[in-house]
Amino acid sequence: MYPTLIKIGHFEITTFGLMMFLAFITAGWVLTRQFRRYGLGDELASSMVMAAAIGGIAGAKIYYAILFKDWHLLFDRAGLVWYGGLIGGSLACAWLMRHKHVDFLTGADATSPSLAIGYAIGRIGCFLVGDDYGAPTNGWYGIAFPKGSPPTTAEALREFGVNIDPSVPGNAILKVHPTQIYESLSAFAMFAILSWMARRRQPRGRIFGMFLVMMGIERFLVEIVRAKDDRFLGPFTIAQLISVIIFIAGLILAARRDRTVEPVAA
């Protein structure tokens, strides 16, 4: 683990911050290329990146505060929840496209590959700081995060509602599912699939629909092995409920027959 790259006094650059920066830069580059292919222009792509950043961060923090019913968490350093960021960023970008008189589904299709690559890189940042990991495992792939956020001690995992043998001391460091890596690899695969689709003529909305379908499946499955304390729906988490909703929405978009066919990406 490398949670901190540089620290001078109270100033520090974290690996999570660096990976978030790289995620936005890479996603912005992919978005610009896609927007050129769809004839939407570089200026709109730059505005979309800004809208996604502002709306995404705001949405992530609001989601986190609502989830834990504490508005003070809006000003906490932690709490960048993916689904909150996706919702907030989507709303901000939808407003921008409406303001610029751009068809929403066309813009969403062009944006989908950049969402996947940004998510893939961002999750690497979560791995490097030991955040958003899974439940304990004895598999060879298990990884311990002794300096995680929080560390993968038996006590911390019990606070997440994970069933740990009472005989295990609270300060014992346990190996857990590296769910950040699971999600990152899945998102890279999504990026490859969406990029392949974008090079072929597709009905308007199908690429975005497929992004939602794959995102819903990936997140629903990974939540099964996540160390979570928000299982308010029996064994299911709030994220799994949202996953089902976006999966259904994605299926509807991907299956619809739209006479408008988007151009082949160059």
C-alpha atoms as a PDB file:
ATOM      1  CA  MET A   1       0.000   0.000   0.000  1.00  0.00           C
ATOM      2  CA  TYR A   2       1.085   3.540  -0.787  1.00  0.00           C
ATOM      3  CA  PRO A   3      -1.574   5.816   0.741  1.00  0.00           C
ATOM      4  CA  THR A   4       0.678   8.914   0.694  1.00  0.00           C
ATOM      5  CA  LEU A   5       3.070   9.898  -2.085  1.00  0.00           C
ATOM      6  CA  ILE A   6       4.348  13.224  -0.800  1.00  0.00           C
ATOM      7  CA  LYS A   7       3.933  14.874   2.589  1.00  0.00           C
ATOM      8  CA  ILE A   8       5.390  18.255   3.516  1.00  0.00           C
ATOM      9  CA  GLY A   9       4.108  19.516   6.851  1.00  0.00           C
ATOM     10  CA  HIS A  10       0.313  19.390   6.711  1.00  0.00           C
ATOM     11  CA  PHE A  11       0.338  19.206   2.904  1.00  0.00           C
ATOM     12  CA  GLU A  12       0.168  15.785   1.311  1.00  0.00           C
ATOM     13  CA  ILE A  13      -0.554  14.180  -2.035  1.00  0.00           C
ATOM     14  CA  THR A  14      -2.307  10.840  -1.687  1.00  0.00           C
ATOM     15  CA  THR A  15      -2.314   8.005  -4.186  1.00  0.00           C
ATOM     16  CA  PHE A  16      -6.108   8.186  -4.207  1.00  0.00           C
ATOM     17  CA  GLY A  17      -5.961  11.849  -5.202  1.00  0.00           C
ATOM     18  CA  LEU A  18      -3.384  11.084  -7.892  1.00  0.00           C
ATOM     19  CA  MET A  19      -5.489   8.260  -9.345  1.00  0.00           C
ATOM     20  CA  MET A  20      -8.598  10.444  -9.285  1.00  0.00           C
ATOM     21  CA  PHE A  21      -6.655  13.074 -11.222  1.00  0.00           C
ATOM     22  CA  LEU A  22      -5.460  10.468 -13.731  1.00  0.00           C
ATOM     23  CA  ALA A  23      -9.008   9.114 -14.011  1.00  0.00           C
ATOM     24  CA  PHE A  24     -10.378  12.535 -14.972  1.00  0.00           C
ATOM     25  CA  ILE A  25      -7.503  13.220 -17.381  1.00  0.00           C
ATOM     26  CA  THR A  26      -7.840   9.843 -19.124  1.00  0.00           C
ATOM     27  CA  ALA A  27     -11.639   9.966 -19.188  1.00  0.00           C
ATOM     28  CA  GLY A  28     -11.466  13.494 -20.580  1.00  0.00           C
ATOM     29  CA  TRP A  29      -9.116  12.382 -23.366  1.00  0.00           C
ATOM     30  CA  VAL A  30     -11.378   9.460 -24.292  1.00  0.00           C
ATOM     31  CA  LEU A  31     -14.446  11.725 -24.109  1.00  0.00           C
ATOM     32  CA  THR A  32     -12.863  14.274 -26.455  1.00  0.00           C
ATOM     33  CA  ARG A  33     -12.062  11.558 -29.015  1.00  0.00           C
ATOM     34  CA  GLN A  34     -15.594  10.182 -28.807  1.00  0.00           C
ATOM     35  CA  PHE A  35     -17.197  13.610 -29.102  1.00  0.00           C
ATOM     36  CA  ARG A  36     -15.169  14.314 -32.231  1.00  0.00           C
ATOM     37  CA  ARG A  37     -16.415  11.062 -33.742  1.00  0.00           C
ATOM     38  CA  TYR A  38     -19.995  11.995 -32.932  1.00  0.00           C
ATOM     39  CA  GLY A  39     -19.535  15.531 -34.264  1.00  0.00           C
ATOM     40  CA  LEU A  40     -20.113  17.138 -30.852  1.00  0.00           C
ATOM     41  CA  GLY A  41     -16.896  19.163 -30.598  1.00  0.00           C
ATOM     42  CA  ASP A  42     -13.979  19.625 -28.200  1.00  0.00           C
ATOM     43  CA  GLU A  43     -15.478  22.602 -26.355  1.00  0.00           C
ATOM     44  CA  LEU A  44     -18.527  20.609 -25.278  1.00  0.00           C
ATOM     45  CA  ALA A  45     -16.279  17.728 -24.192  1.00  0.00           C
ATOM     46  CA  SER A  46     -14.300  20.068 -21.913  1.00  0.00           C
ATOM     47  CA  SER A  47     -17.520  21.455 -20.448  1.00  0.00           C
ATOM     48  CA  MET A  48     -18.813  17.915 -19.884  1.00  0.00           C
ATOM     49  CA  VAL A  49     -15.679  16.966 -17.933  1.00  0.00           C
ATOM     50  CA  MET A  50     -16.119  20.023 -15.714  1.00  0.00           C
ATOM     51  CA  ALA A  51     -19.834  19.319 -15.202  1.00  0.00           C
ATOM     52  CA  ALA A  52     -19.111  15.664 -14.416  1.00  0.00           C
ATOM     53  CA  ALA A  53     -16.427  16.637 -11.893  1.00  0.00           C
ATOM     54  CA  ILE A  54     -18.576  19.188 -10.055  1.00  0.00           C
ATOM     55  CA  GLY A  55     -21.808  17.210 -10.229  1.00  0.00           C
ATOM     56  CA  GLY A  56     -20.067  13.922  -9.488  1.00  0.00           C
ATOM     57  CA  ILE A  57     -18.286  15.119  -6.362  1.00  0.00           C
ATOM     58  CA  ALA A  58     -21.412  16.888  -5.094  1.00  0.00           C
ATOM     59  CA  GLY A  59     -23.562  13.825  -5.791  1.00  0.00           C
ATOM     60  CA  ALA A  60     -21.078  11.482  -4.119  1.00  0.00           C
ATOM     61  CA  LYS A  61     -20.957  13.600  -0.957  1.00  0.00           C
ATOM     62  CA  ILE A  62     -24.750  14.079  -0.790  1.00  0.00           C
ATOM     63  CA  TYR A  63     -25.318  10.338  -1.240  1.00  0.00           C
ATOM     64  CA  TYR A  64     -22.812   9.627   1.559  1.00  0.00           C
ATOM     65  CA  ALA A  65     -24.466  12.119   3.907  1.00  0.00           C
ATOM     66  CA  ILE A  66     -27.958  10.729   3.205  1.00  0.00           C
ATOM     67  CA  LEU A  67     -26.759   7.139   3.626  1.00  0.00           C
ATOM     68  CA  PHE A  68     -25.428   7.849   7.124  1.00  0.00           C
ATOM     69  CA  LYS A  69     -28.042  10.516   7.966  1.00  0.00           C
ATOM     70  CA  ASP A  70     -25.427  13.092   8.899  1.00  0.00           C
ATOM     71  CA  TRP A  71     -25.131  16.319   6.866  1.00  0.00           C
ATOM     72  CA  HIS A  72     -21.820  17.111   8.565  1.00  0.00           C
ATOM     73  CA  LEU A  73     -20.331  14.382   6.362  1.00  0.00           C
ATOM     74  CA  LEU A  74     -20.682  16.751   3.402  1.00  0.00           C
ATOM     75  CA  PHE A  75     -17.507  18.421   4.677  1.00  0.00           C
ATOM     76  CA  ASP A  76     -15.700  15.197   5.580  1.00  0.00           C
ATOM     77  CA  ARG A  77     -12.639  14.244   3.535  1.00  0.00           C
ATOM     78  CA  ALA A  78     -13.952  10.730   2.942  1.00  0.00           C
ATOM     79  CA  GLY A  79     -17.222   9.664   1.389  1.00  0.00           C
ATOM     80  CA  LEU A  80     -16.864   9.732  -2.407  1.00  0.00           C
ATOM     81  CA  VAL A  81     -19.536   7.120  -3.188  1.00  0.00           C
ATOM     82  CA  TRP A  82     -19.576   5.906  -6.804  1.00  0.00           C
ATOM     83  CA  TYR A  83     -23.328   5.680  -7.348  1.00  0.00           C
ATOM     84  CA  GLY A  84     -23.837   9.115  -5.828  1.00  0.00           C
ATOM     85  CA  GLY A  85     -21.161  10.444  -8.160  1.00  0.00           C
ATOM     86  CA  LEU A  86     -22.755   8.727 -11.152  1.00  0.00           C
ATOM     87  CA  ILE A  87     -26.166  10.196 -10.373  1.00  0.00           C
ATOM     88  CA  GLY A  88     -24.833  13.688  -9.631  1.00  0.00           C
ATOM     89  CA  GLY A  89     -22.539  13.729 -12.635  1.00  0.00           C
ATOM     90  CA  SER A  90     -25.294  12.439 -14.932  1.00  0.00           C
ATOM     91  CA  LEU A  91     -27.711  15.136 -13.778  1.00  0.00           C
ATOM     92  CA  ALA A  92     -25.097  17.863 -14.270  1.00  0.00           C
ATOM     93  CA  CYS A  93     -24.180  16.574 -17.740  1.00  0.00           C
ATOM     94  CA  ALA A  94     -27.851  16.160 -18.692  1.00  0.00           C
ATOM     95  CA  TRP A  95     -28.482  19.792 -17.743  1.00  0.00           C
ATOM     96  CA  LEU A  96     -25.463  20.885 -19.813  1.00  0.00           C
ATOM     97  CA  MET A  97     -26.579  18.907 -22.867  1.00  0.00           C
ATOM     98  CA  ARG A  98     -30.079  20.330 -22.595  1.00  0.00           C
ATOM     99  CA  HIS A  99     -28.594  23.831 -22.304  1.00  0.00           C
ATOM    100  CA  LYS A 100     -26.442  23.188 -25.408  1.00  0.00           C
ATOM    101  CA  HIS A 101     -29.357  21.579 -27.301  1.00  0.00           C
ATOM    102  CA  VAL A 102     -27.575  18.221 -27.596  1.00  0.00           C
ATOM    103  CA  ASP A 103     -29.635  15.023 -27.783  1.00  0.00           C
ATOM    104  CA  PHE A 104     -29.245  13.285 -24.407  1.00  0.00           C
ATOM    105  CA  LEU A 105     -28.962   9.719 -25.689  1.00  0.00           C
ATOM    106  CA  THR A 106     -26.385  10.678 -28.318  1.00  0.00           C
ATOM    107  CA  GLY A 107     -24.308  12.459 -25.691  1.00  0.00           C
ATOM    108  CA  ALA A 108     -24.722   9.590 -23.233  1.00  0.00           C
ATOM    109  CA  ASP A 109     -23.558   7.055 -25.840  1.00  0.00           C
ATOM    110  CA  ALA A 110     -20.482   9.139 -26.602  1.00  0.00           C
ATOM    111  CA  THR A 111     -19.744   9.499 -22.878  1.00  0.00           C
ATOM    112  CA  SER A 112     -20.109   5.839 -21.854  1.00  0.00           C
ATOM    113  CA  PRO A 113     -16.563   4.571 -22.683  1.00  0.00           C
ATOM    114  CA  SER A 114     -15.033   7.448 -20.716  1.00  0.00           C
ATOM    115  CA  LEU A 115     -17.193   6.597 -17.681  1.00  0.00           C
ATOM    116  CA  ALA A 116     -15.891   3.029 -17.739  1.00  0.00           C
ATOM    117  CA  ILE A 117     -12.207   3.951 -18.055  1.00  0.00           C
ATOM    118  CA  GLY A 118     -12.509   6.647 -15.377  1.00  0.00           C
ATOM    119  CA  TYR A 119     -14.119   4.154 -12.999  1.00  0.00           C
ATOM    120  CA  ALA A 120     -11.408   1.571 -13.700  1.00  0.00           C
ATOM    121  CA  ILE A 121      -8.576   3.960 -12.853  1.00  0.00           C
ATOM    122  CA  GLY A 122     -10.369   5.474  -9.860  1.00  0.00           C
ATOM    123  CA  ARG A 123     -10.798   2.047  -8.249  1.00  0.00           C
ATOM    124  CA  ILE A 124      -7.028   1.544  -8.410  1.00  0.00           C
ATOM    125  CA  GLY A 125      -6.800   4.583  -6.138  1.00  0.00           C
ATOM    126  CA  CYS A 126      -9.171   2.897  -3.681  1.00  0.00           C
ATOM    127  CA  PHE A 127      -6.900  -0.158  -3.701  1.00  0.00           C
ATOM    128  CA  LEU A 128      -3.750   1.874  -3.047  1.00  0.00           C
ATOM    129  CA  VAL A 129      -5.235   3.491   0.073  1.00  0.00           C
ATOM    130  CA  GLY A 130      -6.977   0.324   1.309  1.00  0.00           C
ATOM    131  CA  ASP A 131     -10.554   1.527   0.985  1.00  0.00           C
ATOM    132  CA  ASP A 132     -13.768  -0.212  -0.185  1.00  0.00           C
ATOM    133  CA  TYR A 133     -12.386  -3.704   0.304  1.00  0.00           C
ATOM    134  CA  GLY A 134     -14.312  -6.939   0.752  1.00  0.00           C
ATOM    135  CA  ALA A 135     -15.078  -9.507   3.415  1.00  0.00           C
ATOM    136  CA  PRO A 136     -12.399 -11.871   4.792  1.00  0.00           C
ATOM    137  CA  THR A 137     -11.197 -14.714   2.578  1.00  0.00           C
ATOM    138  CA  ASN A 138      -8.683 -17.542   2.836  1.00  0.00           C
ATOM    139  CA  GLY A 139      -8.162 -17.586  -0.929  1.00  0.00           C
ATOM    140  CA  TRP A 140      -4.728 -17.019  -2.466  1.00  0.00           C
ATOM    141  CA  TYR A 141      -6.050 -13.734  -3.865  1.00  0.00           C
ATOM    142  CA  GLY A 142      -6.809 -12.323  -0.423  1.00  0.00           C
ATOM    143  CA  ILE A 143      -4.959  -9.134   0.545  1.00  0.00           C
ATOM    144  CA  ALA A 144      -4.474  -7.564   3.970  1.00  0.00           C
ATOM    145  CA  PHE A 145      -4.591  -3.792   4.393  1.00  0.00           C
ATOM    146  CA  PRO A 146      -2.779  -3.085   7.692  1.00  0.00           C
ATOM    147  CA  LYS A 147      -2.854   0.660   6.989  1.00  0.00           C
ATOM    148  CA  GLY A 148      -6.183   0.733   5.205  1.00  0.00           C
ATOM    149  CA  SER A 149      -9.039   3.171   5.638  1.00  0.00           C
ATOM    150  CA  PRO A 150      -9.749   1.532   8.054  1.00  0.00           C
ATOM    151  CA  PRO A 151      -7.225  -1.318   8.474  1.00  0.00           C
ATOM    152  CA  THR A 152      -8.569  -4.827   7.877  1.00  0.00           C
ATOM    153  CA  THR A 153      -8.562  -5.757  11.549  1.00  0.00           C
ATOM    154  CA  ALA A 154     -11.123  -8.152  13.000  1.00  0.00           C
ATOM    155  CA  GLU A 155     -12.536  -5.261  15.043  1.00  0.00           C
ATOM    156  CA  ALA A 156     -13.011  -2.994  12.014  1.00  0.00           C
ATOM    157  CA  LEU A 157     -14.623  -5.775  10.001  1.00  0.00           C
ATOM    158  CA  ARG A 158     -17.006  -6.546  12.866  1.00  0.00           C
ATOM    159  CA  GLU A 159     -18.066  -2.895  12.788  1.00  0.00           C
ATOM    160  CA  PHE A 160     -18.996  -3.446   9.131  1.00  0.00           C
ATOM    161  CA  GLY A 161     -21.309  -6.231  10.252  1.00  0.00           C
ATOM    162  CA  VAL A 162     -19.010  -9.017   9.027  1.00  0.00           C
ATOM    163  CA  ASN A 163     -19.320 -12.252  11.002  1.00  0.00           C
ATOM    164  CA  ILE A 164     -15.883 -12.900  12.513  1.00  0.00           C
ATOM    165  CA  ASP A 165     -15.104 -15.798  14.836  1.00  0.00           C
ATOM    166  CA  PRO A 166     -15.277 -14.372  18.413  1.00  0.00           C
ATOM    167  CA  SER A 167     -11.984 -16.123  19.218  1.00  0.00           C
ATOM    168  CA  VAL A 168     -10.123 -13.887  16.748  1.00  0.00           C
ATOM    169  CA  PRO A 169      -8.595 -10.907  18.620  1.00  0.00           C
ATOM    170  CA  GLY A 170      -9.756  -7.452  17.551  1.00  0.00           C
ATOM    171  CA  ASN A 171      -6.300  -6.300  16.462  1.00  0.00           C
ATOM    172  CA  ALA A 172      -5.701  -9.303  14.183  1.00  0.00           C
ATOM    173  CA  ILE A 173      -5.052  -8.276  10.563  1.00  0.00           C
ATOM    174  CA  LEU A 174      -7.137 -10.369   8.163  1.00  0.00           C
ATOM    175  CA  LYS A 175      -6.907 -10.948   4.423  1.00  0.00           C
ATOM    176  CA  VAL A 176      -9.949  -9.732   2.487  1.00  0.00           C
ATOM    177  CA  HIS A 177     -11.382  -9.826  -1.025  1.00  0.00           C
ATOM    178  CA  PRO A 178      -9.620  -7.082  -3.058  1.00  0.00           C
ATOM    179  CA  THR A 179     -12.951  -5.885  -4.446  1.00  0.00           C
ATOM    180  CA  GLN A 180     -11.305  -2.725  -5.767  1.00  0.00           C
ATOM    181  CA  ILE A 181      -9.300  -4.888  -8.185  1.00  0.00           C
ATOM    182  CA  TYR A 182     -12.379  -6.900  -9.129  1.00  0.00           C
ATOM    183  CA  GLU A 183     -14.166  -3.670 -10.030  1.00  0.00           C
ATOM    184  CA  SER A 184     -11.195  -2.151 -11.829  1.00  0.00           C
ATOM    185  CA  LEU A 185     -10.697  -5.213 -14.048  1.00  0.00           C
ATOM    186  CA  SER A 186     -14.433  -5.362 -14.755  1.00  0.00           C
ATOM    187  CA  ALA A 187     -14.467  -1.684 -15.722  1.00  0.00           C
ATOM    188  CA  PHE A 188     -11.511  -2.119 -18.092  1.00  0.00           C
ATOM    189  CA  ALA A 189     -13.460  -4.952 -19.755  1.00  0.00           C
ATOM    190  CA  MET A 190     -16.512  -2.667 -19.986  1.00  0.00           C
ATOM    191  CA  PHE A 191     -14.371   0.015 -21.605  1.00  0.00           C
ATOM    192  CA  ALA A 192     -13.137  -2.466 -24.231  1.00  0.00           C
ATOM    193  CA  ILE A 193     -16.684  -3.634 -25.017  1.00  0.00           C
ATOM    194  CA  LEU A 194     -18.140  -0.122 -25.202  1.00  0.00           C
ATOM    195  CA  SER A 195     -15.263   1.104 -27.381  1.00  0.00           C
ATOM    196  CA  TRP A 196     -15.843  -1.842 -29.741  1.00  0.00           C
ATOM    197  CA  MET A 197     -19.554  -1.021 -29.915  1.00  0.00           C
ATOM    198  CA  ALA A 198     -18.806   2.642 -30.635  1.00  0.00           C
ATOM    199  CA  ARG A 199     -16.956   1.633 -33.813  1.00  0.00           C
ATOM    200  CA  ARG A 200     -20.137   0.166 -35.280  1.00  0.00           C
ATOM    201  CA  ARG A 201     -23.468   1.688 -36.154  1.00  0.00           C
ATOM    202  CA  GLN A 202     -25.750   1.498 -33.139  1.00  0.00           C
ATOM    203  CA  PRO A 203     -29.318   2.609 -32.446  1.00  0.00           C
ATOM    204  CA  ARG A 204     -29.318   5.765 -30.350  1.00  0.00           C
ATOM    205  CA  GLY A 205     -29.047   4.936 -26.644  1.00  0.00           C
ATOM    206  CA  ARG A 206     -27.813   1.361 -27.024  1.00  0.00           C
ATOM    207  CA  ILE A 207     -24.219   1.998 -25.935  1.00  0.00           C
ATOM    208  CA  PHE A 208     -25.327   3.874 -22.831  1.00  0.00           C
ATOM    209  CA  GLY A 209     -27.868   1.133 -22.164  1.00  0.00           C
ATOM    210  CA  MET A 210     -25.147  -1.519 -22.309  1.00  0.00           C
ATOM    211  CA  PHE A 211     -23.013   0.526 -19.928  1.00  0.00           C
ATOM    212  CA  LEU A 212     -25.882   0.568 -17.420  1.00  0.00           C
ATOM    213  CA  VAL A 213     -26.518  -3.161 -17.863  1.00  0.00           C
ATOM    214  CA  MET A 214     -22.858  -4.099 -17.296  1.00  0.00           C
ATOM    215  CA  MET A 215     -22.468  -1.625 -14.441  1.00  0.00           C
ATOM    216  CA  GLY A 216     -25.556  -2.980 -12.729  1.00  0.00           C
ATOM    217  CA  ILE A 217     -24.379  -6.586 -13.008  1.00  0.00           C
ATOM    218  CA  GLU A 218     -20.828  -5.809 -11.895  1.00  0.00           C
ATOM    219  CA  ARG A 219     -21.821  -3.785  -8.859  1.00  0.00           C
ATOM    220  CA  PHE A 220     -24.585  -6.169  -7.748  1.00  0.00           C
ATOM    221  CA  LEU A 221     -22.167  -9.112  -7.802  1.00  0.00           C
ATOM    222  CA  VAL A 222     -19.241  -7.369  -6.120  1.00  0.00           C
ATOM    223  CA  GLU A 223     -21.490  -6.145  -3.296  1.00  0.00           C
ATOM    224  CA  ILE A 224     -22.003  -9.784  -2.282  1.00  0.00           C
ATOM    225  CA  VAL A 225     -18.400  -9.947  -1.017  1.00  0.00           C
ATOM    226  CA  ARG A 226     -18.027  -6.315   0.067  1.00  0.00           C
ATOM    227  CA  ALA A 227     -17.514  -5.432   3.730  1.00  0.00           C
ATOM    228  CA  LYS A 228     -20.554  -3.177   4.126  1.00  0.00           C
ATOM    229  CA  ASP A 229     -22.649  -1.849   6.994  1.00  0.00           C
ATOM    230  CA  ASP A 230     -25.581  -0.593   4.898  1.00  0.00           C
ATOM    231  CA  ARG A 231     -27.427  -3.891   4.364  1.00  0.00           C
ATOM    232  CA  PHE A 232     -30.784  -2.295   5.079  1.00  0.00           C
ATOM    233  CA  LEU A 233     -32.690  -4.686   2.793  1.00  0.00           C
ATOM    234  CA  GLY A 234     -31.969  -7.997   4.499  1.00  0.00           C
ATOM    235  CA  PRO A 235     -28.796  -9.389   2.914  1.00  0.00           C
ATOM    236  CA  PHE A 236     -28.882  -6.721   0.194  1.00  0.00           C
ATOM    237  CA  THR A 237     -27.285  -3.282   0.183  1.00  0.00           C
ATOM    238  CA  ILE A 238     -28.624   0.030  -1.076  1.00  0.00           C
ATOM    239  CA  ALA A 239     -26.074  -0.196  -3.907  1.00  0.00           C
ATOM    240  CA  GLN A 240     -27.586  -3.512  -5.001  1.00  0.00           C
ATOM    241  CA  LEU A 241     -31.047  -1.951  -5.123  1.00  0.00           C
ATOM    242  CA  ILE A 242     -29.693   0.831  -7.331  1.00  0.00           C
ATOM    243  CA  SER A 243     -27.886  -1.789  -9.425  1.00  0.00           C
ATOM    244  CA  VAL A 244     -31.175  -3.551 -10.164  1.00  0.00           C
ATOM    245  CA  ILE A 245     -32.794  -0.244 -11.151  1.00  0.00           C
ATOM    246  CA  ILE A 246     -30.029   0.795 -13.554  1.00  0.00           C
ATOM    247  CA  PHE A 247     -29.841  -2.758 -14.961  1.00  0.00           C
ATOM    248  CA  ILE A 248     -33.539  -2.608 -15.879  1.00  0.00           C
ATOM    249  CA  ALA A 249     -33.166   0.910 -17.296  1.00  0.00           C
ATOM    250  CA  GLY A 250     -30.169  -0.243 -19.314  1.00  0.00           C
ATOM    251  CA  LEU A 251     -32.025  -3.249 -20.700  1.00  0.00           C
ATOM    252  CA  ILE A 252     -34.850  -1.008 -21.865  1.00  0.00           C
ATOM    253  CA  LEU A 253     -32.413   1.352 -23.602  1.00  0.00           C
ATOM    254  CA  ALA A 254     -30.325  -1.421 -25.144  1.00  0.00           C
ATOM    255  CA  ALA A 255     -33.367  -3.287 -26.476  1.00  0.00           C
ATOM    256  CA  ARG A 256     -35.297  -0.318 -27.864  1.00  0.00           C
ATOM    257  CA  ARG A 257     -35.582  -0.014 -31.630  1.00  0.00           C
ATOM    258  CA  ASP A 258     -34.639   3.529 -32.543  1.00  0.00           C
ATOM    259  CA  ARG A 259     -34.814   4.497 -36.201  1.00  0.00           C
ATOM    260  CA  THR A 260     -32.027   6.990 -35.589  1.00  0.00           C
ATOM    261  CA  VAL A 261     -28.739   5.157 -36.070  1.00  0.00           C
ATOM    262  CA  GLU A 262     -25.597   6.830 -34.817  1.00  0.00           C
ATOM    263  CA  PRO A 263     -22.603   7.188 -37.156  1.00  0.00           C
ATOM    264  CA  VAL A 264     -19.692   4.790 -37.172  1.00  0.00           C
ATOM    265  CA  ALA A 265     -16.875   6.169 -35.055  1.00  0.00           C
ATOM    266  CA  ALA A 266     -13.791   6.915 -37.145  1.00  0.00           C
END
